[in-house]
Structure formats: structure tokens, C-alpha cells
PDB file of N, CA and C in Angstrom:
ATOM      1  N   MET A   1      -4.994   9.343  14.281  1.00  0.00           N
ATOM      2  CA  MET A   1      -5.271   8.070  14.013  1.00  0.00           C
ATOM      3  C   MET A   1      -5.551   7.191  15.345  1.00  0.00           C
ATOM      4  N   ASN A   2      -6.685   6.683  15.260  1.00  0.00           N
ATOM      5  CA  ASN A   2      -6.725   5.951  16.560  1.00  0.00           C
ATOM      6  C   ASN A   2      -6.220   4.629  16.250  1.00  0.00           C
ATOM      7  N   ARG A   3      -6.202   3.777  17.251  1.00  0.00           N
ATOM      8  CA  ARG A   3      -5.159   2.747  17.521  1.00  0.00           C
ATOM      9  C   ARG A   3      -5.575   1.494  16.916  1.00  0.00           C
ATOM     10  N   THR A   4      -7.002   1.298  16.621  1.00  0.00           N
ATOM     11  CA  THR A   4      -7.361   0.077  16.026  1.00  0.00           C
ATOM     12  C   THR A   4      -6.736   0.333  14.592  1.00  0.00           C
ATOM     13  N   LEU A   5      -7.084   1.510  13.712  1.00  0.00           N
ATOM     14  CA  LEU A   5      -6.238   1.838  12.363  1.00  0.00           C
ATOM     15  C   LEU A   5      -4.871   1.743  12.426  1.00  0.00           C
ATOM     16  N   ARG A   6      -4.361   2.085  13.133  1.00  0.00           N
ATOM     17  CA  ARG A   6      -2.781   1.972  13.423  1.00  0.00           C
ATOM     18  C   ARG A   6      -2.515   0.157  13.292  1.00  0.00           C
ATOM     19  N   GLN A   7      -3.104  -0.295  14.059  1.00  0.00           N
ATOM     20  CA  GLN A   7      -2.681  -1.896  14.440  1.00  0.00           C
ATOM     21  C   GLN A   7      -3.543  -2.412  13.099  1.00  0.00           C
ATOM     22  N   LEU A   8      -4.259  -2.303  12.664  1.00  0.00           N
ATOM     23  CA  LEU A   8      -4.601  -2.581  11.057  1.00  0.00           C
ATOM     24  C   LEU A   8      -3.503  -2.313  10.348  1.00  0.00           C
ATOM     25  N   ILE A   9      -2.894  -1.421  10.193  1.00  0.00           N
ATOM     26  CA  ILE A   9      -2.200  -0.963   9.013  1.00  0.00           C
ATOM     27  C   ILE A   9      -0.844  -1.779   9.297  1.00  0.00           C
ATOM     28  N   VAL A  10      -0.362  -1.699  10.841  1.00  0.00           N
ATOM     29  CA  VAL A  10       0.740  -2.401  11.049  1.00  0.00           C
ATOM     30  C   VAL A  10       0.782  -4.196  10.493  1.00  0.00           C
ATOM     31  N   TRP A  11      -0.521  -4.772  11.175  1.00  0.00           N
ATOM     32  CA  TRP A  11      -0.880  -6.078  10.410  1.00  0.00           C
ATOM     33  C   TRP A  11      -0.753  -6.408   8.697  1.00  0.00           C
ATOM     34  N   PHE A  12      -1.399  -5.376   8.192  1.00  0.00           N
ATOM     35  CA  PHE A  12      -1.109  -5.383   6.544  1.00  0.00           C
ATOM     36  C   PHE A  12       0.043  -5.263   6.247  1.00  0.00           C
ATOM     37  N   LEU A  13       0.909  -4.557   7.039  1.00  0.00           N
ATOM     38  CA  LEU A  13       2.475  -4.089   6.126  1.00  0.00           C
ATOM     39  C   LEU A  13       3.103  -5.827   6.890  1.00  0.00           C
ATOM     40  N   ILE A  14       2.769  -6.542   7.774  1.00  0.00           N
ATOM     41  CA  ILE A  14       3.512  -7.680   8.171  1.00  0.00           C
ATOM     42  C   ILE A  14       2.824  -8.367   7.059  1.00  0.00           C
ATOM     43  N   LEU A  15       1.956  -8.587   6.759  1.00  0.00           N
ATOM     44  CA  LEU A  15       1.202  -9.405   5.946  1.00  0.00           C
ATOM     45  C   LEU A  15       2.187  -9.483   4.245  1.00  0.00           C
ATOM     46  N   LEU A  16       2.298  -7.996   4.265  1.00  0.00           N
ATOM     47  CA  LEU A  16       2.887  -7.587   2.959  1.00  0.00           C
ATOM     48  C   LEU A  16       4.129  -8.211   2.635  1.00  0.00           C
ATOM     49  N   VAL A  17       5.020  -7.926   4.051  1.00  0.00           N
ATOM     50  CA  VAL A  17       6.474  -8.603   4.143  1.00  0.00           C
ATOM     51  C   VAL A  17       6.457  -9.961   4.013  1.00  0.00           C
ATOM     52  N   ILE A  18       5.533 -10.918   4.807  1.00  0.00           N
ATOM     53  CA  ILE A  18       5.843 -12.341   4.389  1.00  0.00           C
ATOM     54  C   ILE A  18       5.250 -12.670   3.118  1.00  0.00           C
ATOM     55  N   LEU A  19       4.148 -11.910   2.668  1.00  0.00           N
ATOM     56  CA  LEU A  19       3.944 -12.213   1.063  1.00  0.00           C
ATOM     57  C   LEU A  19       5.216 -12.247   0.075  1.00  0.00           C
ATOM     58  N   PHE A  20       6.033 -11.033   0.301  1.00  0.00           N
ATOM     59  CA  PHE A  20       6.998 -10.766  -0.797  1.00  0.00           C
ATOM     60  C   PHE A  20       8.106 -11.528  -0.134  1.00  0.00           C
ATOM     61  N   THR A  21       8.242 -12.083   1.311  1.00  0.00           N
ATOM     62  CA  THR A  21       9.330 -13.216   1.332  1.00  0.00           C
ATOM     63  C   THR A  21       9.057 -14.656   0.799  1.00  0.00           C
ATOM     64  N   ILE A  22       7.797 -14.815   0.903  1.00  0.00           N
ATOM     65  CA  ILE A  22       7.470 -15.941  -0.180  1.00  0.00           C
ATOM     66  C   ILE A  22       7.692 -16.066  -1.105  1.00  0.00           C
ATOM     67  N   ILE A  23       7.374 -15.001  -2.069  1.00  0.00           N
ATOM     68  CA  ILE A  23       7.570 -14.884  -3.208  1.00  0.00           C
ATOM     69  C   ILE A  23       9.018 -15.079  -3.600  1.00  0.00           C
ATOM     70  N   ALA A  24      10.178 -14.201  -2.713  1.00  0.00           N
ATOM     71  CA  ALA A  24      11.501 -14.527  -3.212  1.00  0.00           C
ATOM     72  C   ALA A  24      12.108 -15.832  -2.766  1.00  0.00           C
ATOM     73  N   ILE A  25      11.225 -16.324  -1.912  1.00  0.00           N
ATOM     74  CA  ILE A  25      12.041 -17.711  -1.662  1.00  0.00           C
ATOM     75  C   ILE A  25      11.669 -18.487  -2.595  1.00  0.00           C
ATOM     76  N   LEU A  26      10.193 -18.438  -3.104  1.00  0.00           N
ATOM     77  CA  LEU A  26       9.779 -19.648  -4.185  1.00  0.00           C
ATOM     78  C   LEU A  26      10.857 -19.053  -5.650  1.00  0.00           C
ATOM     79  N   GLY A  27      11.208 -17.854  -5.781  1.00  0.00           N
ATOM     80  CA  GLY A  27      11.515 -17.294  -6.917  1.00  0.00           C
ATOM     81  C   GLY A  27      13.025 -17.900  -6.605  1.00  0.00           C
ATOM     82  N   ILE A  28      14.030 -17.832  -5.846  1.00  0.00           N
ATOM     83  CA  ILE A  28      15.152 -18.489  -5.119  1.00  0.00           C
ATOM     84  C   ILE A  28      15.266 -19.746  -5.737  1.00  0.00           C
ATOM     85  N   TRP A  29      14.238 -20.588  -5.308  1.00  0.00           N
ATOM     86  CA  TRP A  29      14.237 -22.131  -5.762  1.00  0.00           C
ATOM     87  C   TRP A  29      13.606 -22.476  -6.939  1.00  0.00           C
ATOM     88  N   ASP A  30      13.302 -21.627  -7.570  1.00  0.00           N
ATOM     89  CA  ASP A  30      12.912 -21.411  -9.162  1.00  0.00           C
ATOM     90  C   ASP A  30      11.529 -22.565  -9.011  1.00  0.00           C
ATOM     91  N   VAL A  31      10.936 -22.277  -8.174  1.00  0.00           N
ATOM     92  CA  VAL A  31       9.666 -22.918  -8.078  1.00  0.00           C
ATOM     93  C   VAL A  31       8.532 -21.751  -9.235  1.00  0.00           C
ATOM     94  N   ILE A  32       8.671 -20.579  -9.018  1.00  0.00           N
ATOM     95  CA  ILE A  32       8.249 -19.590  -9.930  1.00  0.00           C
ATOM     96  C   ILE A  32       8.943 -19.067 -10.617  1.00  0.00           C
ATOM     97  N   GLU A  33       8.676 -18.166 -11.944  1.00  0.00           N
ATOM     98  CA  GLU A  33       9.594 -17.472 -12.816  1.00  0.00           C
ATOM     99  C   GLU A  33       9.592 -15.981 -11.846  1.00  0.00           C
ATOM    100  N   LEU A  34      10.845 -15.394 -11.385  1.00  0.00           N
ATOM    101  CA  LEU A  34      10.690 -14.668 -10.476  1.00  0.00           C
ATOM    102  C   LEU A  34      10.511 -13.064 -11.292  1.00  0.00           C
ATOM    103  N   GLU A  35      11.231 -13.341 -12.495  1.00  0.00           N
ATOM    104  CA  GLU A  35      11.306 -11.773 -13.191  1.00  0.00           C
ATOM    105  C   GLU A  35       9.679 -11.335 -13.315  1.00  0.00           C
ATOM    106  N   LYS A  36       8.989 -12.564 -14.017  1.00  0.00           N
ATOM    107  CA  LYS A  36       7.685 -12.262 -14.542  1.00  0.00           C
ATOM    108  C   LYS A  36       6.657 -11.554 -13.058  1.00  0.00           C
ATOM    109  N   VAL A  37       7.009 -12.304 -12.238  1.00  0.00           N
ATOM    110  CA  VAL A  37       6.523 -11.893 -10.477  1.00  0.00           C
ATOM    111  C   VAL A  37       6.930 -10.622 -10.250  1.00  0.00           C
ATOM    112  N   VAL A  38       8.056 -10.037 -10.415  1.00  0.00           N
ATOM    113  CA  VAL A  38       8.691  -9.046  -9.779  1.00  0.00           C
ATOM    114  C   VAL A  38       8.169  -7.469 -10.814  1.00  0.00           C
ATOM    115  N   ASN A  39       8.004  -8.125 -11.627  1.00  0.00           N
ATOM    116  CA  ASN A  39       7.529  -6.874 -12.669  1.00  0.00           C
ATOM    117  C   ASN A  39       6.342  -6.527 -12.389  1.00  0.00           C
ATOM    118  N   LYS A  40       5.134  -7.516 -12.256  1.00  0.00           N
ATOM    119  CA  LYS A  40       3.887  -7.179 -11.629  1.00  0.00           C
ATOM    120  C   LYS A  40       3.621  -6.916 -10.406  1.00  0.00           C
ATOM    121  N   LEU A  41       4.700  -7.183  -9.109  1.00  0.00           N
ATOM    122  CA  LEU A  41       4.290  -6.763  -8.136  1.00  0.00           C
ATOM    123  C   LEU A  41       4.636  -5.032  -8.227  1.00  0.00           C
ATOM    124  N   LEU A  42       5.933  -4.743  -8.810  1.00  0.00           N
ATOM    125  CA  LEU A  42       6.167  -3.551  -8.994  1.00  0.00           C
ATOM    126  C   LEU A  42       5.388  -2.098  -9.659  1.00  0.00           C
ATOM    127  N   SER A  43       4.748  -3.196 -10.398  1.00  0.00           N
ATOM    128  CA  SER A  43       3.680  -2.483 -11.455  1.00  0.00           C
ATOM    129  C   SER A  43       2.502  -2.151 -10.465  1.00  0.00           C
ATOM    130  N   THR A  44       2.145  -3.233  -9.889  1.00  0.00           N
ATOM    131  CA  THR A  44       0.951  -3.074  -8.794  1.00  0.00           C
ATOM    132  C   THR A  44       1.396  -1.927  -7.579  1.00  0.00           C
ATOM    133  N   LEU A  45       2.437  -2.276  -6.895  1.00  0.00           N
ATOM    134  CA  LEU A  45       3.152  -1.345  -5.985  1.00  0.00           C
ATOM    135  C   LEU A  45       2.839   0.356  -6.809  1.00  0.00           C
ATOM    136  N   LEU A  46       3.455   0.556  -7.682  1.00  0.00           N
ATOM    137  CA  LEU A  46       3.284   1.916  -8.123  1.00  0.00           C
ATOM    138  C   LEU A  46       1.593   2.154  -8.508  1.00  0.00           C
ATOM    139  N   VAL A  47       1.054   1.435  -8.614  1.00  0.00           N
ATOM    140  CA  VAL A  47      -0.524   1.732  -9.086  1.00  0.00           C
ATOM    141  C   VAL A  47      -0.628   1.751  -7.619  1.00  0.00           C
ATOM    142  N   ILE A  48      -0.572   1.306  -6.407  1.00  0.00           N
ATOM    143  CA  ILE A  48      -1.258   1.340  -4.928  1.00  0.00           C
ATOM    144  C   ILE A  48      -0.318   2.857  -4.636  1.00  0.00           C
ATOM    145  N   PHE A  49       1.121   2.848  -5.077  1.00  0.00           N
ATOM    146  CA  PHE A  49       1.322   3.949  -4.173  1.00  0.00           C
ATOM    147  C   PHE A  49       0.292   5.407  -5.092  1.00  0.00           C
ATOM    148  N   SER A  50       0.418   5.249  -6.316  1.00  0.00           N
ATOM    149  CA  SER A  50      -0.095   6.477  -7.195  1.00  0.00           C
ATOM    150  C   SER A  50      -1.641   6.980  -6.737  1.00  0.00           C
ATOM    151  N   SER A  51      -2.133   5.651  -6.599  1.00  0.00           N
ATOM    152  CA  SER A  51      -3.695   5.796  -5.914  1.00  0.00           C
ATOM    153  C   SER A  51      -3.807   6.657  -4.493  1.00  0.00           C
ATOM    154  N   SER A  52      -2.740   6.295  -3.823  1.00  0.00           N
ATOM    155  CA  SER A  52      -2.864   6.586  -2.751  1.00  0.00           C
ATOM    156  C   SER A  52      -2.384   8.221  -1.891  1.00  0.00           C
ATOM    157  N   ALA A  53      -1.420   8.426  -3.320  1.00  0.00           N
ATOM    158  CA  ALA A  53      -1.172   9.706  -3.111  1.00  0.00           C
ATOM    159  C   ALA A  53      -2.334  10.654  -3.657  1.00  0.00           C
ATOM    160  N   VAL A  54      -3.024  10.135  -4.627  1.00  0.00           N
ATOM    161  CA  VAL A  54      -4.366  11.009  -4.743  1.00  0.00           C
ATOM    162  C   VAL A  54      -5.495  11.056  -3.841  1.00  0.00           C
ATOM    163  N   ILE A  55      -5.390   9.786  -2.986  1.00  0.00           N
ATOM    164  CA  ILE A  55      -6.444   9.767  -2.054  1.00  0.00           C
ATOM    165  C   ILE A  55      -5.965  10.609  -0.729  1.00  0.00           C
ATOM    166  N   LEU A  56      -4.657  10.751  -0.414  1.00  0.00           N
ATOM    167  CA  LEU A  56      -4.015  11.711   0.549  1.00  0.00           C
ATOM    168  C   LEU A  56      -4.446  12.867   0.302  1.00  0.00           C
ATOM    169  N   PHE A  57      -4.014  13.797  -1.151  1.00  0.00           N
ATOM    170  CA  PHE A  57      -4.180  14.802  -1.835  1.00  0.00           C
ATOM    171  C   PHE A  57      -5.744  15.097  -1.899  1.00  0.00           C
ATOM    172  N   ILE A  58      -6.646  14.403  -1.843  1.00  0.00           N
ATOM    173  CA  ILE A  58      -8.139  14.570  -1.728  1.00  0.00           C
ATOM    174  C   ILE A  58      -8.405  14.725  -0.276  1.00  0.00           C
ATOM    175  N   PHE A  59      -7.987  14.193   0.479  1.00  0.00           N
ATOM    176  CA  PHE A  59      -8.312  14.297   1.880  1.00  0.00           C
ATOM    177  C   PHE A  59      -7.742  15.258   2.475  1.00  0.00           C
ATOM    178  N   SER A  60      -6.627  15.865   2.298  1.00  0.00           N
ATOM    179  CA  SER A  60      -5.778  16.951   3.011  1.00  0.00           C
ATOM    180  C   SER A  60      -6.477  18.279   2.501  1.00  0.00           C
ATOM    181  N   VAL A  61      -6.973  18.134   0.988  1.00  0.00           N
ATOM    182  CA  VAL A  61      -7.369  19.360   0.354  1.00  0.00           C
ATOM    183  C   VAL A  61      -8.723  19.526   1.144  1.00  0.00           C
ATOM    184  N   VAL A  62      -9.882  18.167   1.371  1.00  0.00           N
ATOM    185  CA  VAL A  62     -11.093  18.456   2.083  1.00  0.00           C
ATOM    186  C   VAL A  62     -11.256  18.555   2.845  1.00  0.00           C
ATOM    187  N   GLY A  63     -10.351  18.108   3.799  1.00  0.00           N
ATOM    188  CA  GLY A  63      -9.740  18.130   5.507  1.00  0.00           C
ATOM    189  C   GLY A  63      -9.986  19.499   5.813  1.00  0.00           C
ATOM    190  N   LYS A  64      -9.085  20.388   5.133  1.00  0.00           N
ATOM    191  CA  LYS A  64      -8.557  21.675   5.351  1.00  0.00           C
ATOM    192  C   LYS A  64     -10.108  22.507   5.157  1.00  0.00           C
ATOM    193  N   GLU A  65     -10.770  22.124   4.219  1.00  0.00           N
ATOM    194  CA  GLU A  65     -11.916  22.837   4.217  1.00  0.00           C
ATOM    195  C   GLU A  65     -12.715  22.734   4.819  1.00  0.00           C
ATOM    196  N   ILE A  66     -13.230  21.325   5.359  1.00  0.00           N
ATOM    197  CA  ILE A  66     -14.295  21.391   6.365  1.00  0.00           C
ATOM    198  C   ILE A  66     -13.528  21.503   7.971  1.00  0.00           C
ATOM    199  N   ASP A  67     -12.113  21.451   8.247  1.00  0.00           N
ATOM    200  CA  ASP A  67     -11.900  22.154   9.423  1.00  0.00           C
ATOM    201  C   ASP A  67     -11.715  23.609   9.319  1.00  0.00           C
ATOM    202  N   ASP A  68     -11.629  24.484   8.156  1.00  0.00           N
ATOM    203  CA  ASP A  68     -11.783  25.581   8.229  1.00  0.00           C
ATOM    204  C   ASP A  68     -13.430  26.158   8.007  1.00  0.00           C
ATOM    205  N   GLY A  69     -14.197  25.320   8.089  1.00  0.00           N
ATOM    206  CA  GLY A  69     -15.974  25.701   8.179  1.00  0.00           C
ATOM    207  C   GLY A  69     -16.306  26.065   6.776  1.00  0.00           C
ATOM    208  N   LYS A  70     -15.298  26.156   5.591  1.00  0.00           N
ATOM    209  CA  LYS A  70     -15.727  26.388   4.260  1.00  0.00           C
ATOM    210  C   LYS A  70     -16.730  25.366   3.768  1.00  0.00           C
ATOM    211  N   GLY A  71     -16.411  23.952   4.518  1.00  0.00           N
ATOM    212  CA  GLY A  71     -17.242  22.796   3.398  1.00  0.00           C
ATOM    213  C   GLY A  71     -18.851  22.810   3.759  1.00  0.00           C
ATOM    214  N   SER A  72     -19.892  22.355   3.307  1.00  0.00           N
ATOM    215  CA  SER A  72     -20.805  22.401   3.437  1.00  0.00           C
ATOM    216  C   SER A  72     -21.563  21.878   4.441  1.00  0.00           C
TER     217      SER A  72
END
């Protein structure tokens, strides 16, 4: 993995942490209804995790075929 991609991932994760922190603070102060937001966040994270697992599986299978010379 090259360095630019790693830095991009790090910044993305930092932004996620900041976003979740802001949502948690707004929920603590009763600015937003935290139950609805948490349900939506968790379901969104589950969908992202599932799609990431499928993409990782596809890349690992296709990547092995390309590395072995079996690909077209």
C-alpha cells in the first residue's frame, strides 16, 4: 500500500471519529434523538462493513489469479 493511500485512510478514520463524537455530544445534550441516529449509524456501518468484506474477497481472489498468471 502506498503512503498516500495510508494517509487518506488515516484522515478518513479521524473524520469518522470526529463525526461520531459530535453526534454523541449532540445526543447527550438532547439536541438530537440519539436512539434513531445510533440505529441508522450502526446499520450504515454494517452495510459498509459487509460491502468492504465482499470487495476484499473479490480483490484477494482476482489478485491471486493475476499474480499467478492465470488471469487474462
